[in-house]
Amino acid sequence: MFPLKARNGGVLVRAGQTEAAVDLARITGLYPAGVICEIMNPDGTMSRVTELTNVSDRLGQLQRRLDDVLRRSVEAVTAHPTFQQEMRRIERTMRALEARVGRLRNGATDETDDSVPPPPPDVHGRAS
């Protein structure tokens, strides 16, 4: 056995089996740790998807692939209220910048324009 350490950020940072094992535990509310192993065929070669599906069916085990965990992790992050607030803040800022660029292209001066609200503070209350 060799201890492995998952990268902070999990499969969103590194799409690896170690990160997937820890993320899967975290998603299900368990302690963020996991055990991974390589399943071998009787001839000593590494099992591929077809052989792994046969093994999981024979043992009645659920089989999850890395892309399943990655998809679920992305869904969890994008559904988080902080992420959604930050995306709305970025969208408001982009709209204000696009409006200002449009006015500058139409001959407005680069002076402070009170019609463009300042960007809202970020989710931690800091000015953008």
N, C-alpha and C. Protein backbone atom coordinates (compact mmCIF):
# COMPACT_ATOMS: atom_id res chain seq x y z
N MET A 1 0.83 -1.18 0.00
CA MET A 1 0.00 0.00 0.00
C MET A 1 0.88 1.24 0.00
N PHE A 2 0.42 2.24 -0.72
CA PHE A 2 1.12 3.52 -0.79
C PHE A 2 0.12 4.62 -0.48
N PRO A 3 0.38 5.41 0.57
CA PRO A 3 -0.55 6.51 0.86
C PRO A 3 -0.44 7.59 -0.22
N LEU A 4 -1.58 8.08 -0.65
CA LEU A 4 -1.64 9.14 -1.65
C LEU A 4 -2.40 10.31 -1.06
N LYS A 5 -2.07 11.51 -1.50
CA LYS A 5 -2.75 12.70 -1.02
C LYS A 5 -3.46 13.37 -2.19
N ALA A 6 -4.76 13.58 -2.03
CA ALA A 6 -5.54 14.25 -3.08
C ALA A 6 -5.22 15.74 -3.06
N ARG A 7 -5.27 16.35 -4.22
CA ARG A 7 -5.04 17.79 -4.33
C ARG A 7 -6.24 18.55 -3.80
N ASN A 8 -5.99 19.68 -3.15
CA ASN A 8 -7.08 20.56 -2.72
C ASN A 8 -7.86 20.98 -3.95
N GLY A 9 -9.17 20.93 -3.87
CA GLY A 9 -10.01 21.26 -5.01
C GLY A 9 -10.50 20.03 -5.73
N GLY A 10 -9.94 18.87 -5.40
CA GLY A 10 -10.40 17.60 -5.95
C GLY A 10 -10.34 17.50 -7.46
N VAL A 11 -11.36 16.84 -8.03
CA VAL A 11 -11.37 16.59 -9.47
C VAL A 11 -11.51 17.87 -10.29
N LEU A 12 -11.90 18.98 -9.65
CA LEU A 12 -11.99 20.24 -10.37
C LEU A 12 -10.59 20.80 -10.63
N VAL A 13 -9.60 20.33 -9.87
CA VAL A 13 -8.22 20.78 -10.04
C VAL A 13 -7.39 19.73 -10.77
N ARG A 14 -7.59 18.48 -10.42
CA ARG A 14 -6.86 17.37 -11.05
C ARG A 14 -7.82 16.20 -11.24
N ALA A 15 -8.04 15.79 -12.46
CA ALA A 15 -8.97 14.70 -12.75
C ALA A 15 -8.27 13.36 -12.55
N GLY A 16 -8.03 13.02 -11.29
CA GLY A 16 -7.33 11.78 -10.98
C GLY A 16 -8.18 10.87 -10.11
N GLN A 17 -7.77 9.60 -10.03
CA GLN A 17 -8.53 8.63 -9.24
C GLN A 17 -8.47 8.95 -7.75
N THR A 18 -7.33 9.45 -7.28
CA THR A 18 -7.20 9.80 -5.86
C THR A 18 -8.19 10.90 -5.50
N GLU A 19 -8.21 11.95 -6.32
CA GLU A 19 -9.13 13.06 -6.08
C GLU A 19 -10.58 12.61 -6.18
N ALA A 20 -10.88 11.72 -7.12
CA ALA A 20 -12.24 11.22 -7.28
C ALA A 20 -12.68 10.43 -6.06
N ALA A 21 -11.79 9.62 -5.49
CA ALA A 21 -12.14 8.84 -4.30
C ALA A 21 -12.48 9.76 -3.13
N VAL A 22 -11.67 10.80 -2.93
CA VAL A 22 -11.91 11.73 -1.83
C VAL A 22 -13.17 12.56 -2.09
N ASP A 23 -13.35 13.03 -3.32
CA ASP A 23 -14.54 13.81 -3.66
C ASP A 23 -15.81 12.98 -3.49
N LEU A 24 -15.77 11.72 -3.88
CA LEU A 24 -16.94 10.85 -3.75
C LEU A 24 -17.32 10.72 -2.27
N ALA A 25 -16.32 10.55 -1.41
CA ALA A 25 -16.60 10.47 0.03
C ALA A 25 -17.18 11.79 0.53
N ARG A 26 -16.60 12.90 0.09
CA ARG A 26 -17.07 14.22 0.52
C ARG A 26 -18.50 14.48 0.05
N ILE A 27 -18.80 14.14 -1.21
CA ILE A 27 -20.14 14.36 -1.77
C ILE A 27 -21.19 13.58 -0.98
N THR A 28 -20.84 12.40 -0.51
CA THR A 28 -21.79 11.56 0.23
C THR A 28 -21.82 11.87 1.72
N GLY A 29 -21.06 12.90 2.14
CA GLY A 29 -21.08 13.31 3.54
C GLY A 29 -20.18 12.50 4.45
N LEU A 30 -19.29 11.72 3.89
CA LEU A 30 -18.37 10.91 4.69
C LEU A 30 -17.05 11.63 4.87
N TYR A 31 -16.20 11.08 5.72
CA TYR A 31 -14.87 11.64 5.94
C TYR A 31 -14.14 11.67 4.59
N PRO A 32 -13.47 12.78 4.26
CA PRO A 32 -12.84 12.90 2.94
C PRO A 32 -11.56 12.07 2.80
N ALA A 33 -11.76 10.77 2.67
CA ALA A 33 -10.65 9.83 2.46
C ALA A 33 -11.17 8.69 1.60
N GLY A 34 -10.29 7.99 0.96
CA GLY A 34 -10.73 6.89 0.12
C GLY A 34 -9.64 5.86 -0.05
N VAL A 35 -10.02 4.74 -0.59
CA VAL A 35 -9.09 3.67 -0.92
C VAL A 35 -9.28 3.38 -2.40
N ILE A 36 -8.19 3.37 -3.13
CA ILE A 36 -8.26 3.01 -4.55
C ILE A 36 -7.37 1.81 -4.77
N CYS A 37 -7.74 0.99 -5.74
CA CYS A 37 -6.92 -0.17 -6.07
C CYS A 37 -7.04 -0.47 -7.56
N GLU A 38 -6.09 -1.18 -8.06
CA GLU A 38 -6.11 -1.60 -9.46
C GLU A 38 -6.62 -3.02 -9.51
N ILE A 39 -7.64 -3.28 -10.30
CA ILE A 39 -8.18 -4.63 -10.44
C ILE A 39 -7.49 -5.27 -11.65
N MET A 40 -6.97 -6.45 -11.40
CA MET A 40 -6.20 -7.16 -12.43
C MET A 40 -7.01 -8.34 -12.98
N ASN A 41 -6.76 -8.64 -14.25
CA ASN A 41 -7.33 -9.82 -14.88
C ASN A 41 -6.52 -11.03 -14.44
N PRO A 42 -7.07 -12.23 -14.60
CA PRO A 42 -6.33 -13.45 -14.21
C PRO A 42 -4.96 -13.57 -14.89
N ASP A 43 -4.81 -12.96 -16.09
CA ASP A 43 -3.52 -13.06 -16.78
C ASP A 43 -2.51 -11.99 -16.35
N GLY A 44 -2.89 -11.16 -15.34
CA GLY A 44 -1.97 -10.16 -14.81
C GLY A 44 -2.07 -8.79 -15.47
N THR A 45 -2.91 -8.66 -16.48
CA THR A 45 -3.07 -7.35 -17.12
C THR A 45 -4.12 -6.53 -16.35
N MET A 46 -4.06 -5.21 -16.54
CA MET A 46 -5.02 -4.33 -15.87
C MET A 46 -6.40 -4.51 -16.51
N SER A 47 -7.42 -4.55 -15.66
CA SER A 47 -8.79 -4.66 -16.16
C SER A 47 -9.20 -3.34 -16.80
N ARG A 48 -9.94 -3.45 -17.88
CA ARG A 48 -10.48 -2.28 -18.57
C ARG A 48 -11.97 -2.20 -18.27
N VAL A 49 -12.66 -1.23 -18.85
CA VAL A 49 -14.07 -0.97 -18.54
C VAL A 49 -14.92 -2.22 -18.68
N THR A 50 -14.76 -2.97 -19.76
CA THR A 50 -15.58 -4.16 -19.97
C THR A 50 -15.40 -5.17 -18.85
N GLU A 51 -14.13 -5.45 -18.50
CA GLU A 51 -13.86 -6.42 -17.42
C GLU A 51 -14.35 -5.87 -16.08
N LEU A 52 -14.16 -4.56 -15.84
CA LEU A 52 -14.61 -3.97 -14.58
C LEU A 52 -16.12 -4.02 -14.45
N THR A 53 -16.83 -3.82 -15.54
CA THR A 53 -18.29 -3.91 -15.53
C THR A 53 -18.72 -5.33 -15.18
N ASN A 54 -18.04 -6.33 -15.75
CA ASN A 54 -18.35 -7.73 -15.43
C ASN A 54 -18.12 -8.02 -13.95
N VAL A 55 -17.01 -7.51 -13.39
CA VAL A 55 -16.69 -7.74 -11.97
C VAL A 55 -17.75 -7.06 -11.10
N SER A 56 -18.08 -5.79 -11.40
CA SER A 56 -19.06 -5.08 -10.57
C SER A 56 -20.44 -5.74 -10.64
N ASP A 57 -20.82 -6.23 -11.82
CA ASP A 57 -22.09 -6.94 -11.96
C ASP A 57 -22.08 -8.24 -11.15
N ARG A 58 -20.99 -8.98 -11.25
CA ARG A 58 -20.89 -10.27 -10.56
C ARG A 58 -20.93 -10.07 -9.03
N LEU A 59 -20.32 -9.00 -8.53
CA LEU A 59 -20.27 -8.74 -7.09
C LEU A 59 -21.44 -7.89 -6.60
N GLY A 60 -22.26 -7.42 -7.53
CA GLY A 60 -23.38 -6.57 -7.14
C GLY A 60 -22.93 -5.20 -6.63
N GLN A 61 -21.82 -4.71 -7.14
CA GLN A 61 -21.26 -3.43 -6.71
C GLN A 61 -21.58 -2.35 -7.72
N LEU A 62 -21.80 -1.13 -7.22
CA LEU A 62 -22.03 0.01 -8.08
C LEU A 62 -20.69 0.46 -8.66
N GLN A 63 -20.67 0.73 -9.93
CA GLN A 63 -19.45 1.18 -10.60
C GLN A 63 -19.58 2.65 -10.93
N ARG A 64 -18.61 3.45 -10.51
CA ARG A 64 -18.58 4.87 -10.82
C ARG A 64 -17.29 5.19 -11.54
N ARG A 65 -17.41 6.04 -12.54
CA ARG A 65 -16.24 6.45 -13.31
C ARG A 65 -15.85 7.86 -12.89
N LEU A 66 -14.65 8.23 -13.21
CA LEU A 66 -14.13 9.55 -12.87
C LEU A 66 -15.02 10.66 -13.41
N ASP A 67 -15.52 10.50 -14.63
CA ASP A 67 -16.37 11.56 -15.20
C ASP A 67 -17.68 11.71 -14.44
N ASP A 68 -18.18 10.63 -13.79
CA ASP A 68 -19.38 10.75 -12.95
C ASP A 68 -19.11 11.66 -11.76
N VAL A 69 -17.96 11.45 -11.12
CA VAL A 69 -17.60 12.26 -9.95
C VAL A 69 -17.33 13.70 -10.36
N LEU A 70 -16.65 13.89 -11.48
CA LEU A 70 -16.35 15.23 -11.98
C LEU A 70 -17.66 15.98 -12.27
N ARG A 71 -18.59 15.34 -12.95
CA ARG A 71 -19.87 15.97 -13.27
C ARG A 71 -20.60 16.38 -11.99
N ARG A 72 -20.63 15.49 -11.00
CA ARG A 72 -21.31 15.79 -9.73
C ARG A 72 -20.61 16.92 -8.99
N SER A 73 -19.28 16.96 -9.03
CA SER A 73 -18.53 18.03 -8.36
C SER A 73 -18.82 19.38 -9.00
N VAL A 74 -18.86 19.41 -10.32
CA VAL A 74 -19.17 20.66 -11.03
C VAL A 74 -20.59 21.11 -10.67
N GLU A 75 -21.53 20.16 -10.64
CA GLU A 75 -22.91 20.50 -10.28
C GLU A 75 -22.99 21.07 -8.87
N ALA A 76 -22.23 20.48 -7.95
CA ALA A 76 -22.25 20.94 -6.56
C ALA A 76 -21.69 22.35 -6.44
N VAL A 77 -20.60 22.62 -7.14
CA VAL A 77 -19.98 23.95 -7.08
C VAL A 77 -20.89 25.00 -7.71
N THR A 78 -21.42 24.70 -8.88
CA THR A 78 -22.23 25.71 -9.58
C THR A 78 -23.59 25.92 -8.92
N ALA A 79 -24.05 24.98 -8.11
CA ALA A 79 -25.32 25.14 -7.41
C ALA A 79 -25.13 25.88 -6.08
N HIS A 80 -23.91 26.06 -5.63
CA HIS A 80 -23.64 26.69 -4.35
C HIS A 80 -24.04 28.17 -4.41
N PRO A 81 -24.76 28.67 -3.39
CA PRO A 81 -25.21 30.07 -3.42
C PRO A 81 -24.07 31.08 -3.58
N THR A 82 -22.93 30.84 -2.97
CA THR A 82 -21.80 31.78 -3.10
C THR A 82 -21.35 31.87 -4.55
N PHE A 83 -21.28 30.74 -5.23
CA PHE A 83 -20.89 30.73 -6.64
C PHE A 83 -21.89 31.52 -7.47
N GLN A 84 -23.17 31.29 -7.21
CA GLN A 84 -24.21 31.99 -7.96
C GLN A 84 -24.17 33.49 -7.71
N GLN A 85 -23.95 33.91 -6.46
CA GLN A 85 -23.83 35.34 -6.15
C GLN A 85 -22.64 35.95 -6.88
N GLU A 86 -21.54 35.24 -6.87
CA GLU A 86 -20.33 35.75 -7.54
C GLU A 86 -20.56 35.87 -9.04
N MET A 87 -21.23 34.90 -9.64
CA MET A 87 -21.51 34.97 -11.08
C MET A 87 -22.42 36.16 -11.40
N ARG A 88 -23.43 36.40 -10.55
CA ARG A 88 -24.31 37.56 -10.77
C ARG A 88 -23.52 38.86 -10.64
N ARG A 89 -22.60 38.93 -9.68
CA ARG A 89 -21.77 40.11 -9.51
C ARG A 89 -20.91 40.34 -10.74
N ILE A 90 -20.32 39.29 -11.26
CA ILE A 90 -19.48 39.40 -12.45
C ILE A 90 -20.32 39.84 -13.65
N GLU A 91 -21.51 39.28 -13.78
CA GLU A 91 -22.40 39.67 -14.90
C GLU A 91 -22.78 41.15 -14.82
N ARG A 92 -23.11 41.66 -13.61
CA ARG A 92 -23.44 43.08 -13.46
C ARG A 92 -22.25 43.96 -13.81
N THR A 93 -21.08 43.56 -13.35
CA THR A 93 -19.87 44.34 -13.65
C THR A 93 -19.59 44.34 -15.15
N MET A 94 -19.75 43.19 -15.80
CA MET A 94 -19.51 43.11 -17.25
C MET A 94 -20.50 43.99 -18.01
N ARG A 95 -21.77 43.98 -17.61
CA ARG A 95 -22.76 44.83 -18.27
C ARG A 95 -22.41 46.32 -18.12
N ALA A 96 -21.96 46.71 -16.91
CA ALA A 96 -21.58 48.11 -16.68
C ALA A 96 -20.37 48.47 -17.53
N LEU A 97 -19.39 47.57 -17.63
CA LEU A 97 -18.20 47.84 -18.45
C LEU A 97 -18.56 47.92 -19.93
N GLU A 98 -19.43 47.02 -20.39
CA GLU A 98 -19.84 47.05 -21.80
C GLU A 98 -20.57 48.35 -22.12
N ALA A 99 -21.40 48.81 -21.19
CA ALA A 99 -22.12 50.08 -21.41
C ALA A 99 -21.13 51.24 -21.48
N ARG A 100 -20.15 51.23 -20.61
CA ARG A 100 -19.16 52.31 -20.62
C ARG A 100 -18.33 52.30 -21.89
N VAL A 101 -17.90 51.12 -22.33
CA VAL A 101 -17.15 51.02 -23.58
C VAL A 101 -17.99 51.53 -24.74
N GLY A 102 -19.28 51.18 -24.75
CA GLY A 102 -20.18 51.67 -25.80
C GLY A 102 -20.26 53.18 -25.83
N ARG A 103 -20.36 53.78 -24.65
CA ARG A 103 -20.41 55.25 -24.59
C ARG A 103 -19.10 55.86 -25.06
N LEU A 104 -17.97 55.27 -24.68
CA LEU A 104 -16.67 55.80 -25.11
C LEU A 104 -16.51 55.70 -26.63
N ARG A 105 -17.00 54.61 -27.20
CA ARG A 105 -16.93 54.45 -28.66
C ARG A 105 -17.80 55.49 -29.37
N ASN A 106 -18.85 55.93 -28.70
CA ASN A 106 -19.75 56.91 -29.29
C ASN A 106 -19.34 58.35 -28.97
N GLY A 107 -18.12 58.53 -28.49
CA GLY A 107 -17.59 59.88 -28.31
C GLY A 107 -17.67 60.44 -26.91
N ALA A 108 -18.13 59.69 -25.93
CA ALA A 108 -18.17 60.20 -24.57
C ALA A 108 -16.74 60.33 -24.05
N THR A 109 -16.55 61.22 -23.10
CA THR A 109 -15.22 61.37 -22.51
C THR A 109 -15.03 60.29 -21.45
N ASP A 110 -13.80 60.10 -21.04
CA ASP A 110 -13.49 59.06 -20.05
C ASP A 110 -13.57 59.62 -18.64
N GLU A 111 -14.50 60.51 -18.41
CA GLU A 111 -14.69 61.05 -17.07
C GLU A 111 -15.66 60.15 -16.33
N THR A 112 -15.68 60.29 -15.05
CA THR A 112 -16.57 59.48 -14.24
C THR A 112 -18.01 59.74 -14.65
N ASP A 113 -18.71 58.69 -14.91
CA ASP A 113 -20.10 58.79 -15.34
C ASP A 113 -20.98 58.25 -14.21
N ASP A 114 -21.77 59.13 -13.61
CA ASP A 114 -22.61 58.73 -12.48
C ASP A 114 -23.73 57.79 -12.88
N SER A 115 -23.99 57.65 -14.19
CA SER A 115 -25.07 56.75 -14.61
C SER A 115 -24.64 55.28 -14.53
N VAL A 116 -23.33 55.05 -14.40
CA VAL A 116 -22.84 53.68 -14.26
C VAL A 116 -22.58 53.43 -12.78
N PRO A 117 -23.35 52.54 -12.18
CA PRO A 117 -23.14 52.30 -10.75
C PRO A 117 -21.79 51.61 -10.53
N PRO A 118 -21.17 51.88 -9.39
CA PRO A 118 -19.92 51.19 -9.10
C PRO A 118 -20.21 49.70 -8.95
N PRO A 119 -19.22 48.86 -9.24
CA PRO A 119 -19.48 47.43 -9.08
C PRO A 119 -19.81 47.12 -7.63
N PRO A 120 -20.71 46.18 -7.40
CA PRO A 120 -21.09 45.84 -6.03
C PRO A 120 -19.93 45.17 -5.32
N PRO A 121 -19.94 45.17 -3.98
CA PRO A 121 -18.88 44.47 -3.26
C PRO A 121 -18.96 42.97 -3.55
N ASP A 122 -17.83 42.29 -3.39
CA ASP A 122 -17.85 40.84 -3.62
C ASP A 122 -18.54 40.17 -2.44
N VAL A 123 -18.60 38.87 -2.46
CA VAL A 123 -19.35 38.12 -1.46
C VAL A 123 -18.77 38.26 -0.07
N HIS A 124 -17.54 38.78 0.06
CA HIS A 124 -16.91 38.97 1.36
C HIS A 124 -17.02 40.42 1.82
N GLY A 125 -17.75 41.26 1.05
CA GLY A 125 -17.96 42.63 1.44
C GLY A 125 -16.88 43.60 0.98
N ARG A 126 -15.92 43.11 0.20
CA ARG A 126 -14.84 43.97 -0.28
C ARG A 126 -15.28 44.65 -1.56
N ALA A 127 -14.81 45.89 -1.75
CA ALA A 127 -15.10 46.59 -3.01
C ALA A 127 -14.35 45.91 -4.14
N SER A 128 -14.98 45.85 -5.30
CA SER A 128 -14.35 45.19 -6.44
C SER A 128 -13.32 46.08 -7.08
